[in-house]
Amino acid sequence: MDLTLGSPVESLLLLRGGFVQDTGGNWVFVVDSEGSYANWRDICAGRRNNRYVEVIDGLQQGDRVITSSYRQMSDMHLGQ
């Protein structure tokens, strides 16, 4: 997806879900390739709008991320 703010920039974007409110956009749960489990991963979020969060670092295109609320899973993140 292209995000244009001034000049065109190619960016990695996540849908802005409940995870943003729960984590401040500082970490996400990334699902493994088999879909069996998820691990937390620190990310660096950039620009945001009401639909998307730009990911500057910590994810690669194709990573599957849980974007729903983490409220019930917050004790699974050791950094909390």
Foldseek 3Di string as FASTA:
>chain_A
DWDDDPHIDDFDKDFQEQCCVVPVQQKFWWADPVRPGTDIWGWDWDDDDNTIITTPDTDDPPTHTDNYHCVVPVVVDPVD
